[in-house]
């Protein structure tokens, strides 16, 4: 499992030039530009106290990213841009969700998929197509958006030749 429940609140220290230092359990203390902080309009299920995140690249050439909580140093999700993993994947974003994210109807949103990578079996990696994370990059607002469960799986195997349902 790639995340853990909150046990202690995050303490932030303000640094020079506006960056803040955020303690994380995986990466140690990280300096974060406040302009890169993403605020969830509603929390992830099971993580009601984590509303602020930032995206940290996994590596220079890796497609993987970390969605690291500022509220819980132990909470981080491995994510990937949906278009990189499944180019034909089209998350349905309702008008009310767009309004919640303060996005214009024609504005493109970033869509991230949360990955689950079994500790000793990376080939067993799955992507959550049922609950992608939609981000308005201009407003830095995000929400996990439930999709149609008859079309999408919460545990879609990444290393498969099967395409997700259309």
Foldseek 3Di string as FASTA:
>chain_A
DQFDAADDFWDWDADPPQWIWTAAPPPGTDTHRPLQKAAELADDVPHRQFGIWGWACPDDPDQWIWTATRTGRRGIFIKGFCCVQAVPQDADQDPVNCVSQVHDPPDDWTKIWTWDAPPVHNQQIFTQSQWIKTADSVSSYIYTDGGDPVQTHGGHRSPDPDHGGD
